[in-house]
Amino acid sequence: MSRYTVYVVPSEFQVIKRLPGNVRQRVKRAIDDLAANPRPPGSKRLEVSEPEELGCENRRLRIDNWRVVYIVTDAQKTVDVVAVRKRPPYDYGDLAELLREQS
């Protein structure tokens, strides 16, 4: 099985560093595991009003009250982590903008 390369948007490194200790470790582990399986059980495809690029899939992974939003590009074997947010209050309102910035 081929592995994917995982990239984390630089601004999200700061978000991850400020997470509570136990959550931070779980989020880091989940992001690392995306290299082996970018579509783990429990992850969901995100439907966005913006058209997706050909070959890209927008997904989210739930870790307790936290969401890891990422883009899987199978052709390049990459996973781009674009957001780590707490839900609630996060409501995916800026999702289209986040994904557009990474395209």
PDB file of N, CA and C in Angstrom:
ATOM      1  N   MET A   1       0.850  -1.182   0.000  1.00  0.00           N
ATOM      2  CA  MET A   1       0.000   0.000   0.000  1.00  0.00           C
ATOM      3  C   MET A   1       0.893   1.243   0.000  1.00  0.00           C
ATOM      4  N   SER A   2       0.604   2.161  -0.906  1.00  0.00           N
ATOM      5  CA  SER A   2       1.430   3.367  -0.977  1.00  0.00           C
ATOM      6  C   SER A   2       1.001   4.376   0.083  1.00  0.00           C
ATOM      7  N   ARG A   3       1.971   5.112   0.563  1.00  0.00           N
ATOM      8  CA  ARG A   3       1.708   6.104   1.606  1.00  0.00           C
ATOM      9  C   ARG A   3       1.508   7.470   0.979  1.00  0.00           C
ATOM     10  N   TYR A   4       0.732   8.268   1.638  1.00  0.00           N
ATOM     11  CA  TYR A   4       0.482   9.642   1.232  1.00  0.00           C
ATOM     12  C   TYR A   4       1.418  10.566   2.004  1.00  0.00           C
ATOM     13  N   THR A   5       1.708  11.715   1.424  1.00  0.00           N
ATOM     14  CA  THR A   5       2.477  12.741   2.113  1.00  0.00           C
ATOM     15  C   THR A   5       1.485  13.695   2.757  1.00  0.00           C
ATOM     16  N   VAL A   6       1.657  13.956   4.043  1.00  0.00           N
ATOM     17  CA  VAL A   6       0.725  14.815   4.784  1.00  0.00           C
ATOM     18  C   VAL A   6       1.372  16.182   4.999  1.00  0.00           C
ATOM     19  N   TYR A   7       0.655  17.220   4.602  1.00  0.00           N
ATOM     20  CA  TYR A   7       1.079  18.601   4.817  1.00  0.00           C
ATOM     21  C   TYR A   7       0.075  19.268   5.757  1.00  0.00           C
ATOM     22  N   VAL A   8       0.582  20.075   6.676  1.00  0.00           N
ATOM     23  CA  VAL A   8      -0.277  20.850   7.569  1.00  0.00           C
ATOM     24  C   VAL A   8      -0.044  22.323   7.251  1.00  0.00           C
ATOM     25  N   VAL A   9      -1.121  23.057   7.008  1.00  0.00           N
ATOM     26  CA  VAL A   9      -1.022  24.485   6.738  1.00  0.00           C
ATOM     27  C   VAL A   9      -0.316  25.148   7.923  1.00  0.00           C
ATOM     28  N   PRO A  10       0.676  26.019   7.679  1.00  0.00           N
ATOM     29  CA  PRO A  10       1.453  26.607   8.776  1.00  0.00           C
ATOM     30  C   PRO A  10       0.615  27.243   9.890  1.00  0.00           C
ATOM     31  N   SER A  11      -0.465  27.912   9.544  1.00  0.00           N
ATOM     32  CA  SER A  11      -1.283  28.546  10.588  1.00  0.00           C
ATOM     33  C   SER A  11      -1.912  27.511  11.519  1.00  0.00           C
ATOM     34  N   GLU A  12      -2.116  26.317  11.030  1.00  0.00           N
ATOM     35  CA  GLU A  12      -2.734  25.274  11.859  1.00  0.00           C
ATOM     36  C   GLU A  12      -1.744  24.646  12.836  1.00  0.00           C
ATOM     37  N   PHE A  13      -0.435  24.777  12.578  1.00  0.00           N
ATOM     38  CA  PHE A  13       0.548  24.321  13.555  1.00  0.00           C
ATOM     39  C   PHE A  13       0.353  25.049  14.876  1.00  0.00           C
ATOM     40  N   GLN A  14       0.087  26.352  14.806  1.00  0.00           N
ATOM     41  CA  GLN A  14      -0.128  27.143  16.023  1.00  0.00           C
ATOM     42  C   GLN A  14      -1.401  26.695  16.742  1.00  0.00           C
ATOM     43  N   VAL A  15      -2.431  26.380  15.987  1.00  0.00           N
ATOM     44  CA  VAL A  15      -3.677  25.895  16.587  1.00  0.00           C
ATOM     45  C   VAL A  15      -3.427  24.573  17.305  1.00  0.00           C
ATOM     46  N   ILE A  16      -2.714  23.676  16.661  1.00  0.00           N
ATOM     47  CA  ILE A  16      -2.427  22.368  17.244  1.00  0.00           C
ATOM     48  C   ILE A  16      -1.579  22.522  18.502  1.00  0.00           C
ATOM     49  N   LYS A  17      -0.606  23.431  18.485  1.00  0.00           N
ATOM     50  CA  LYS A  17       0.257  23.641  19.653  1.00  0.00           C
ATOM     51  C   LYS A  17      -0.524  24.140  20.862  1.00  0.00           C
ATOM     52  N   ARG A  18      -1.643  24.855  20.635  1.00  0.00           N
ATOM     53  CA  ARG A  18      -2.427  25.414  21.743  1.00  0.00           C
ATOM     54  C   ARG A  18      -3.521  24.466  22.240  1.00  0.00           C
ATOM     55  N   LEU A  19      -3.674  23.308  21.642  1.00  0.00           N
ATOM     56  CA  LEU A  19      -4.702  22.365  22.090  1.00  0.00           C
ATOM     57  C   LEU A  19      -4.346  21.808  23.465  1.00  0.00           C
ATOM     58  N   PRO A  20      -5.358  21.411  24.245  1.00  0.00           N
ATOM     59  CA  PRO A  20      -5.075  20.729  25.523  1.00  0.00           C
ATOM     60  C   PRO A  20      -4.234  19.474  25.266  1.00  0.00           C
ATOM     61  N   GLY A  21      -3.362  19.118  26.196  1.00  0.00           N
ATOM     62  CA  GLY A  21      -2.398  18.041  26.019  1.00  0.00           C
ATOM     63  C   GLY A  21      -2.938  16.737  25.465  1.00  0.00           C
ATOM     64  N   ASN A  22      -4.005  16.198  26.079  1.00  0.00           N
ATOM     65  CA  ASN A  22      -4.522  14.912  25.619  1.00  0.00           C
ATOM     66  C   ASN A  22      -5.130  15.011  24.225  1.00  0.00           C
ATOM     67  N   VAL A  23      -5.794  16.124  23.933  1.00  0.00           N
ATOM     68  CA  VAL A  23      -6.394  16.322  22.610  1.00  0.00           C
ATOM     69  C   VAL A  23      -5.292  16.531  21.579  1.00  0.00           C
ATOM     70  N   ARG A  24      -4.278  17.305  21.947  1.00  0.00           N
ATOM     71  CA  ARG A  24      -3.159  17.576  21.031  1.00  0.00           C
ATOM     72  C   ARG A  24      -2.518  16.269  20.575  1.00  0.00           C
ATOM     73  N   GLN A  25      -2.270  15.357  21.502  1.00  0.00           N
ATOM     74  CA  GLN A  25      -1.651  14.078  21.141  1.00  0.00           C
ATOM     75  C   GLN A  25      -2.549  13.255  20.222  1.00  0.00           C
ATOM     76  N   ARG A  26      -3.838  13.249  20.505  1.00  0.00           N
ATOM     77  CA  ARG A  26      -4.776  12.490  19.663  1.00  0.00           C
ATOM     78  C   ARG A  26      -4.870  13.085  18.260  1.00  0.00           C
ATOM     79  N   VAL A  27      -4.881  14.411  18.179  1.00  0.00           N
ATOM     80  CA  VAL A  27      -4.947  15.075  16.873  1.00  0.00           C
ATOM     81  C   VAL A  27      -3.673  14.799  16.075  1.00  0.00           C
ATOM     82  N   LYS A  28      -2.521  14.922  16.722  1.00  0.00           N
ATOM     83  CA  LYS A  28      -1.257  14.649  16.037  1.00  0.00           C
ATOM     84  C   LYS A  28      -1.205  13.213  15.519  1.00  0.00           C
ATOM     85  N   ARG A  29      -1.628  12.279  16.365  1.00  0.00           N
ATOM     86  CA  ARG A  29      -1.620  10.872  15.965  1.00  0.00           C
ATOM     87  C   ARG A  29      -2.569  10.629  14.786  1.00  0.00           C
ATOM     88  N   ALA A  30      -3.745  11.245  14.837  1.00  0.00           N
ATOM     89  CA  ALA A  30      -4.716  11.083  13.752  1.00  0.00           C
ATOM     90  C   ALA A  30      -4.176  11.661  12.446  1.00  0.00           C
ATOM     91  N   ILE A  31      -3.512  12.817  12.524  1.00  0.00           N
ATOM     92  CA  ILE A  31      -2.934  13.422  11.325  1.00  0.00           C
ATOM     93  C   ILE A  31      -1.819  12.532  10.772  1.00  0.00           C
ATOM     94  N   ASP A  32      -0.980  12.000  11.639  1.00  0.00           N
ATOM     95  CA  ASP A  32       0.081  11.090  11.184  1.00  0.00           C
ATOM     96  C   ASP A  32      -0.502   9.847  10.520  1.00  0.00           C
ATOM     97  N   ASP A  33      -1.603   9.335  11.059  1.00  0.00           N
ATOM     98  CA  ASP A  33      -2.228   8.130  10.505  1.00  0.00           C
ATOM     99  C   ASP A  33      -2.841   8.362   9.129  1.00  0.00           C
ATOM    100  N   LEU A  34      -3.110   9.616   8.775  1.00  0.00           N
ATOM    101  CA  LEU A  34      -3.666   9.909   7.453  1.00  0.00           C
ATOM    102  C   LEU A  34      -2.699   9.531   6.331  1.00  0.00           C
ATOM    103  N   ALA A  35      -1.407   9.446   6.625  1.00  0.00           N
ATOM    104  CA  ALA A  35      -0.424   9.062   5.611  1.00  0.00           C
ATOM    105  C   ALA A  35      -0.673   7.633   5.126  1.00  0.00           C
ATOM    106  N   ALA A  36      -1.067   6.759   6.020  1.00  0.00           N
ATOM    107  CA  ALA A  36      -1.323   5.367   5.665  1.00  0.00           C
ATOM    108  C   ALA A  36      -2.738   5.161   5.152  1.00  0.00           C
ATOM    109  N   ASN A  37      -3.691   5.912   5.699  1.00  0.00           N
ATOM    110  CA  ASN A  37      -5.091   5.751   5.318  1.00  0.00           C
ATOM    111  C   ASN A  37      -5.780   7.114   5.347  1.00  0.00           C
ATOM    112  N   PRO A  38      -5.876   7.799   4.192  1.00  0.00           N
ATOM    113  CA  PRO A  38      -6.487   9.127   4.188  1.00  0.00           C
ATOM    114  C   PRO A  38      -8.012   9.121   4.349  1.00  0.00           C
ATOM    115  N   ARG A  39      -8.593   7.953   4.337  1.00  0.00           N
ATOM    116  CA  ARG A  39     -10.049   7.834   4.526  1.00  0.00           C
ATOM    117  C   ARG A  39     -10.347   6.833   5.639  1.00  0.00           C
ATOM    118  N   PRO A  40      -9.937   7.158   6.867  1.00  0.00           N
ATOM    119  CA  PRO A  40     -10.133   6.215   7.975  1.00  0.00           C
ATOM    120  C   PRO A  40     -11.609   6.080   8.330  1.00  0.00           C
ATOM    121  N   PRO A  41     -11.966   4.992   9.031  1.00  0.00           N
ATOM    122  CA  PRO A  41     -13.342   4.865   9.505  1.00  0.00           C
ATOM    123  C   PRO A  41     -13.693   6.068  10.376  1.00  0.00           C
ATOM    124  N   GLY A  42     -14.862   6.587  10.192  1.00  0.00           N
ATOM    125  CA  GLY A  42     -15.295   7.747  10.964  1.00  0.00           C
ATOM    126  C   GLY A  42     -15.055   9.066  10.259  1.00  0.00           C
ATOM    127  N   SER A  43     -14.252   9.069   9.202  1.00  0.00           N
ATOM    128  CA  SER A  43     -14.076  10.315   8.453  1.00  0.00           C
ATOM    129  C   SER A  43     -15.248  10.455   7.489  1.00  0.00           C
ATOM    130  N   LYS A  44     -15.553  11.694   7.141  1.00  0.00           N
ATOM    131  CA  LYS A  44     -16.680  11.941   6.249  1.00  0.00           C
ATOM    132  C   LYS A  44     -16.276  12.879   5.134  1.00  0.00           C
ATOM    133  N   ARG A  45     -16.860  12.646   3.999  1.00  0.00           N
ATOM    134  CA  ARG A  45     -16.668  13.543   2.863  1.00  0.00           C
ATOM    135  C   ARG A  45     -17.473  14.810   3.115  1.00  0.00           C
ATOM    136  N   LEU A  46     -16.872  15.963   2.829  1.00  0.00           N
ATOM    137  CA  LEU A  46     -17.548  17.243   3.024  1.00  0.00           C
ATOM    138  C   LEU A  46     -18.109  17.733   1.698  1.00  0.00           C
ATOM    139  N   GLU A  47     -19.362  18.075   1.729  1.00  0.00           N
ATOM    140  CA  GLU A  47     -20.006  18.653   0.550  1.00  0.00           C
ATOM    141  C   GLU A  47     -19.906  20.159   0.666  1.00  0.00           C
ATOM    142  N   VAL A  48     -19.284  20.777  -0.304  1.00  0.00           N
ATOM    143  CA  VAL A  48     -19.079  22.219  -0.310  1.00  0.00           C
ATOM    144  C   VAL A  48     -19.720  22.772  -1.572  1.00  0.00           C
ATOM    145  N   SER A  49     -20.280  23.973  -1.478  1.00  0.00           N
ATOM    146  CA  SER A  49     -20.935  24.564  -2.632  1.00  0.00           C
ATOM    147  C   SER A  49     -19.946  24.862  -3.757  1.00  0.00           C
ATOM    148  N   GLU A  50     -18.683  25.068  -3.396  1.00  0.00           N
ATOM    149  CA  GLU A  50     -17.652  25.311  -4.398  1.00  0.00           C
ATOM    150  C   GLU A  50     -17.352  23.998  -5.126  1.00  0.00           C
ATOM    151  N   PRO A  51     -17.130  24.027  -6.442  1.00  0.00           N
ATOM    152  CA  PRO A  51     -16.775  22.790  -7.142  1.00  0.00           C
ATOM    153  C   PRO A  51     -15.389  22.312  -6.716  1.00  0.00           C
ATOM    154  N   GLU A  52     -15.252  21.021  -6.522  1.00  0.00           N
ATOM    155  CA  GLU A  52     -13.962  20.462  -6.131  1.00  0.00           C
ATOM    156  C   GLU A  52     -13.082  20.326  -7.368  1.00  0.00           C
ATOM    157  N   GLU A  53     -11.781  20.428  -7.146  1.00  0.00           N
ATOM    158  CA  GLU A  53     -10.852  20.186  -8.234  1.00  0.00           C
ATOM    159  C   GLU A  53     -10.929  18.718  -8.614  1.00  0.00           C
ATOM    160  N   LEU A  54     -10.642  18.443  -9.854  1.00  0.00           N
ATOM    161  CA  LEU A  54     -10.658  17.068 -10.326  1.00  0.00           C
ATOM    162  C   LEU A  54      -9.618  16.258  -9.556  1.00  0.00           C
ATOM    163  N   GLY A  55     -10.030  15.176  -8.962  1.00  0.00           N
ATOM    164  CA  GLY A  55      -9.116  14.315  -8.228  1.00  0.00           C
ATOM    165  C   GLY A  55      -8.916  14.689  -6.775  1.00  0.00           C
ATOM    166  N   CYS A  56      -9.566  15.744  -6.295  1.00  0.00           N
ATOM    167  CA  CYS A  56      -9.442  16.167  -4.893  1.00  0.00           C
ATOM    168  C   CYS A  56     -10.727  15.818  -4.153  1.00  0.00           C
ATOM    169  N   GLU A  57     -10.564  15.462  -2.906  1.00  0.00           N
ATOM    170  CA  GLU A  57     -11.716  15.134  -2.075  1.00  0.00           C
ATOM    171  C   GLU A  57     -11.578  15.848  -0.738  1.00  0.00           C
ATOM    172  N   ASN A  58     -12.603  16.603  -0.365  1.00  0.00           N
ATOM    173  CA  ASN A  58     -12.620  17.322   0.910  1.00  0.00           C
ATOM    174  C   ASN A  58     -13.212  16.403   1.974  1.00  0.00           C
ATOM    175  N   ARG A  59     -12.494  16.274   3.101  1.00  0.00           N
ATOM    176  CA  ARG A  59     -12.942  15.369   4.152  1.00  0.00           C
ATOM    177  C   ARG A  59     -12.741  16.003   5.513  1.00  0.00           C
ATOM    178  N   ARG A  60     -13.391  15.413   6.523  1.00  0.00           N
ATOM    179  CA  ARG A  60     -13.179  15.819   7.897  1.00  0.00           C
ATOM    180  C   ARG A  60     -13.127  14.579   8.768  1.00  0.00           C
ATOM    181  N   LEU A  61     -12.354  14.717   9.839  1.00  0.00           N
ATOM    182  CA  LEU A  61     -12.190  13.644  10.804  1.00  0.00           C
ATOM    183  C   LEU A  61     -12.586  14.203  12.159  1.00  0.00           C
ATOM    184  N   ARG A  62     -13.416  13.476  12.874  1.00  0.00           N
ATOM    185  CA  ARG A  62     -13.887  13.921  14.181  1.00  0.00           C
ATOM    186  C   ARG A  62     -13.061  13.268  15.279  1.00  0.00           C
ATOM    187  N   ILE A  63     -12.584  14.107  16.196  1.00  0.00           N
ATOM    188  CA  ILE A  63     -11.859  13.640  17.379  1.00  0.00           C
ATOM    189  C   ILE A  63     -12.506  14.349  18.560  1.00  0.00           C
ATOM    190  N   ASP A  64     -13.396  13.656  19.250  1.00  0.00           N
ATOM    191  CA  ASP A  64     -14.217  14.248  20.309  1.00  0.00           C
ATOM    192  C   ASP A  64     -14.947  15.472  19.761  1.00  0.00           C
ATOM    193  N   ASN A  65     -14.742  16.641  20.366  1.00  0.00           N
ATOM    194  CA  ASN A  65     -15.395  17.864  19.893  1.00  0.00           C
ATOM    195  C   ASN A  65     -14.570  18.603  18.854  1.00  0.00           C
ATOM    196  N   TRP A  66     -13.492  18.020  18.403  1.00  0.00           N
ATOM    197  CA  TRP A  66     -12.589  18.670  17.462  1.00  0.00           C
ATOM    198  C   TRP A  66     -12.762  18.077  16.072  1.00  0.00           C
ATOM    199  N   ARG A  67     -12.545  18.920  15.055  1.00  0.00           N
ATOM    200  CA  ARG A  67     -12.642  18.488  13.667  1.00  0.00           C
ATOM    201  C   ARG A  67     -11.334  18.798  12.958  1.00  0.00           C
ATOM    202  N   VAL A  68     -10.840  17.821  12.223  1.00  0.00           N
ATOM    203  CA  VAL A  68      -9.676  18.007  11.365  1.00  0.00           C
ATOM    204  C   VAL A  68     -10.212  18.009   9.935  1.00  0.00           C
ATOM    205  N   VAL A  69     -10.076  19.137   9.253  1.00  0.00           N
ATOM    206  CA  VAL A  69     -10.567  19.287   7.881  1.00  0.00           C
ATOM    207  C   VAL A  69      -9.362  19.166   6.956  1.00  0.00           C
ATOM    208  N   TYR A  70      -9.484  18.307   5.932  1.00  0.00           N
ATOM    209  CA  TYR A  70      -8.344  18.072   5.052  1.00  0.00           C
ATOM    210  C   TYR A  70      -8.785  17.768   3.631  1.00  0.00           C
ATOM    211  N   ILE A  71      -7.816  17.857   2.713  1.00  0.00           N
ATOM    212  CA  ILE A  71      -8.047  17.610   1.290  1.00  0.00           C
ATOM    213  C   ILE A  71      -7.164  16.441   0.875  1.00  0.00           C
ATOM    214  N   VAL A  72      -7.766  15.432   0.235  1.00  0.00           N
ATOM    215  CA  VAL A  72      -7.027  14.277  -0.266  1.00  0.00           C
ATOM    216  C   VAL A  72      -6.884  14.436  -1.777  1.00  0.00           C
ATOM    217  N   THR A  73      -5.655  14.355  -2.263  1.00  0.00           N
ATOM    218  CA  THR A  73      -5.394  14.390  -3.704  1.00  0.00           C
ATOM    219  C   THR A  73      -4.739  13.069  -4.070  1.00  0.00           C
ATOM    220  N   ASP A  74      -5.507  12.170  -4.680  1.00  0.00           N
ATOM    221  CA  ASP A  74      -5.009  10.830  -4.982  1.00  0.00           C
ATOM    222  C   ASP A  74      -3.924  10.835  -6.056  1.00  0.00           C
ATOM    223  N   ALA A  75      -4.052  11.705  -7.053  1.00  0.00           N
ATOM    224  CA  ALA A  75      -3.078  11.726  -8.149  1.00  0.00           C
ATOM    225  C   ALA A  75      -1.675  12.052  -7.644  1.00  0.00           C
ATOM    226  N   GLN A  76      -1.579  12.950  -6.672  1.00  0.00           N
ATOM    227  CA  GLN A  76      -0.275  13.346  -6.135  1.00  0.00           C
ATOM    228  C   GLN A  76       0.053  12.623  -4.833  1.00  0.00           C
ATOM    229  N   LYS A  77      -0.882  11.833  -4.323  1.00  0.00           N
ATOM    230  CA  LYS A  77      -0.707  11.101  -3.060  1.00  0.00           C
ATOM    231  C   LYS A  77      -0.397  12.066  -1.918  1.00  0.00           C
ATOM    232  N   THR A  78      -1.231  13.116  -1.800  1.00  0.00           N
ATOM    233  CA  THR A  78      -1.042  14.089  -0.732  1.00  0.00           C
ATOM    234  C   THR A  78      -2.312  14.267   0.080  1.00  0.00           C
ATOM    235  N   VAL A  79      -2.118  14.649   1.331  1.00  0.00           N
ATOM    236  CA  VAL A  79      -3.191  15.024   2.241  1.00  0.00           C
ATOM    237  C   VAL A  79      -2.809  16.390   2.797  1.00  0.00           C
ATOM    238  N   ASP A  80      -3.650  17.396   2.577  1.00  0.00           N
ATOM    239  CA  ASP A  80      -3.406  18.750   3.069  1.00  0.00           C
ATOM    240  C   ASP A  80      -4.367  19.050   4.211  1.00  0.00           C
ATOM    241  N   VAL A  81      -3.854  19.189   5.416  1.00  0.00           N
ATOM    242  CA  VAL A  81      -4.678  19.539   6.576  1.00  0.00           C
ATOM    243  C   VAL A  81      -4.842  21.056   6.567  1.00  0.00           C
ATOM    244  N   VAL A  82      -6.107  21.509   6.413  1.00  0.00           N
ATOM    245  CA  VAL A  82      -6.365  22.954   6.281  1.00  0.00           C
ATOM    246  C   VAL A  82      -6.968  23.573   7.528  1.00  0.00           C
ATOM    247  N   ALA A  83      -7.518  22.761   8.440  1.00  0.00           N
ATOM    248  CA  ALA A  83      -8.131  23.340   9.635  1.00  0.00           C
ATOM    249  C   ALA A  83      -8.231  22.305  10.745  1.00  0.00           C
ATOM    250  N   VAL A  84      -8.058  22.778  11.973  1.00  0.00           N
ATOM    251  CA  VAL A  84      -8.345  22.008  13.183  1.00  0.00           C
ATOM    252  C   VAL A  84      -9.200  22.933  14.034  1.00  0.00           C
ATOM    253  N   ARG A  85     -10.482  22.584  14.186  1.00  0.00           N
ATOM    254  CA  ARG A  85     -11.432  23.475  14.850  1.00  0.00           C
ATOM    255  C   ARG A  85     -12.261  22.723  15.877  1.00  0.00           C
ATOM    256  N   LYS A  86     -12.691  23.460  16.907  1.00  0.00           N
ATOM    257  CA  LYS A  86     -13.575  22.888  17.919  1.00  0.00           C
ATOM    258  C   LYS A  86     -15.021  23.095  17.495  1.00  0.00           C
ATOM    259  N   ARG A  87     -15.808  22.069  17.683  1.00  0.00           N
ATOM    260  CA  ARG A  87     -17.220  22.143  17.335  1.00  0.00           C
ATOM    261  C   ARG A  87     -18.026  21.720  18.529  1.00  0.00           C
ATOM    262  N   PRO A  88     -18.993  22.456  19.023  1.00  0.00           N
ATOM    263  CA  PRO A  88     -19.243  23.852  18.703  1.00  0.00           C
ATOM    264  C   PRO A  88     -18.161  24.729  19.294  1.00  0.00           C
ATOM    265  N   PRO A  89     -17.958  25.913  18.890  1.00  0.00           N
ATOM    266  CA  PRO A  89     -18.800  26.804  18.111  1.00  0.00           C
ATOM    267  C   PRO A  89     -18.559  26.737  16.611  1.00  0.00           C
ATOM    268  N   TYR A  90     -17.512  26.023  16.154  1.00  0.00           N
ATOM    269  CA  TYR A  90     -17.228  25.993  14.722  1.00  0.00           C
ATOM    270  C   TYR A  90     -18.400  25.388  13.964  1.00  0.00           C
ATOM    271  N   ASP A  91     -18.829  26.062  12.880  1.00  0.00           N
ATOM    272  CA  ASP A  91     -20.006  25.609  12.130  1.00  0.00           C
ATOM    273  C   ASP A  91     -19.722  25.407  10.647  1.00  0.00           C
ATOM    274  N   TYR A  92     -18.454  25.314  10.256  1.00  0.00           N
ATOM    275  CA  TYR A  92     -18.050  25.107   8.861  1.00  0.00           C
ATOM    276  C   TYR A  92     -18.412  26.296   7.969  1.00  0.00           C
ATOM    277  N   GLY A  93     -18.685  27.461   8.552  1.00  0.00           N
ATOM    278  CA  GLY A  93     -19.059  28.635   7.774  1.00  0.00           C
ATOM    279  C   GLY A  93     -17.955  29.119   6.855  1.00  0.00           C
ATOM    280  N   ASP A  94     -16.700  28.931   7.243  1.00  0.00           N
ATOM    281  CA  ASP A  94     -15.587  29.386   6.418  1.00  0.00           C
ATOM    282  C   ASP A  94     -14.968  28.250   5.606  1.00  0.00           C
ATOM    283  N   LEU A  95     -15.638  27.135   5.514  1.00  0.00           N
ATOM    284  CA  LEU A  95     -15.082  25.955   4.861  1.00  0.00           C
ATOM    285  C   LEU A  95     -14.748  26.215   3.400  1.00  0.00           C
ATOM    286  N   ALA A  96     -15.654  26.799   2.652  1.00  0.00           N
ATOM    287  CA  ALA A  96     -15.407  27.044   1.229  1.00  0.00           C
ATOM    288  C   ALA A  96     -14.173  27.926   1.039  1.00  0.00           C
ATOM    289  N   GLU A  97     -14.041  28.946   1.900  1.00  0.00           N
ATOM    290  CA  GLU A  97     -12.887  29.850   1.803  1.00  0.00           C
ATOM    291  C   GLU A  97     -11.580  29.123   2.137  1.00  0.00           C
ATOM    292  N   LEU A  98     -11.595  28.300   3.186  1.00  0.00           N
ATOM    293  CA  LEU A  98     -10.396  27.529   3.551  1.00  0.00           C
ATOM    294  C   LEU A  98      -9.954  26.621   2.415  1.00  0.00           C
ATOM    295  N   LEU A  99     -10.902  25.945   1.816  1.00  0.00           N
ATOM    296  CA  LEU A  99     -10.570  25.005   0.749  1.00  0.00           C
ATOM    297  C   LEU A  99     -10.126  25.745  -0.515  1.00  0.00           C
ATOM    298  N   ARG A 100     -10.715  26.889  -0.785  1.00  0.00           N
ATOM    299  CA  ARG A 100     -10.342  27.678  -1.962  1.00  0.00           C
ATOM    300  C   ARG A 100      -8.908  28.178  -1.821  1.00  0.00           C
ATOM    301  N   GLU A 101      -8.495  28.574  -0.613  1.00  0.00           N
ATOM    302  CA  GLU A 101      -7.140  29.059  -0.380  1.00  0.00           C
ATOM    303  C   GLU A 101      -6.103  27.984  -0.662  1.00  0.00           C
ATOM    304  N   GLN A 102      -6.454  26.718  -0.432  1.00  0.00           N
ATOM    305  CA  GLN A 102      -5.500  25.621  -0.614  1.00  0.00           C
ATOM    306  C   GLN A 102      -5.485  25.081  -2.018  1.00  0.00           C
ATOM    307  N   SER A 103      -6.467  25.434  -2.822  1.00  0.00           N
ATOM    308  CA  SER A 103      -6.524  24.908  -4.203  1.00  0.00           C
ATOM    309  C   SER A 103      -5.569  25.614  -5.102  1.00  0.00           C
TER     310      SER A 103
END
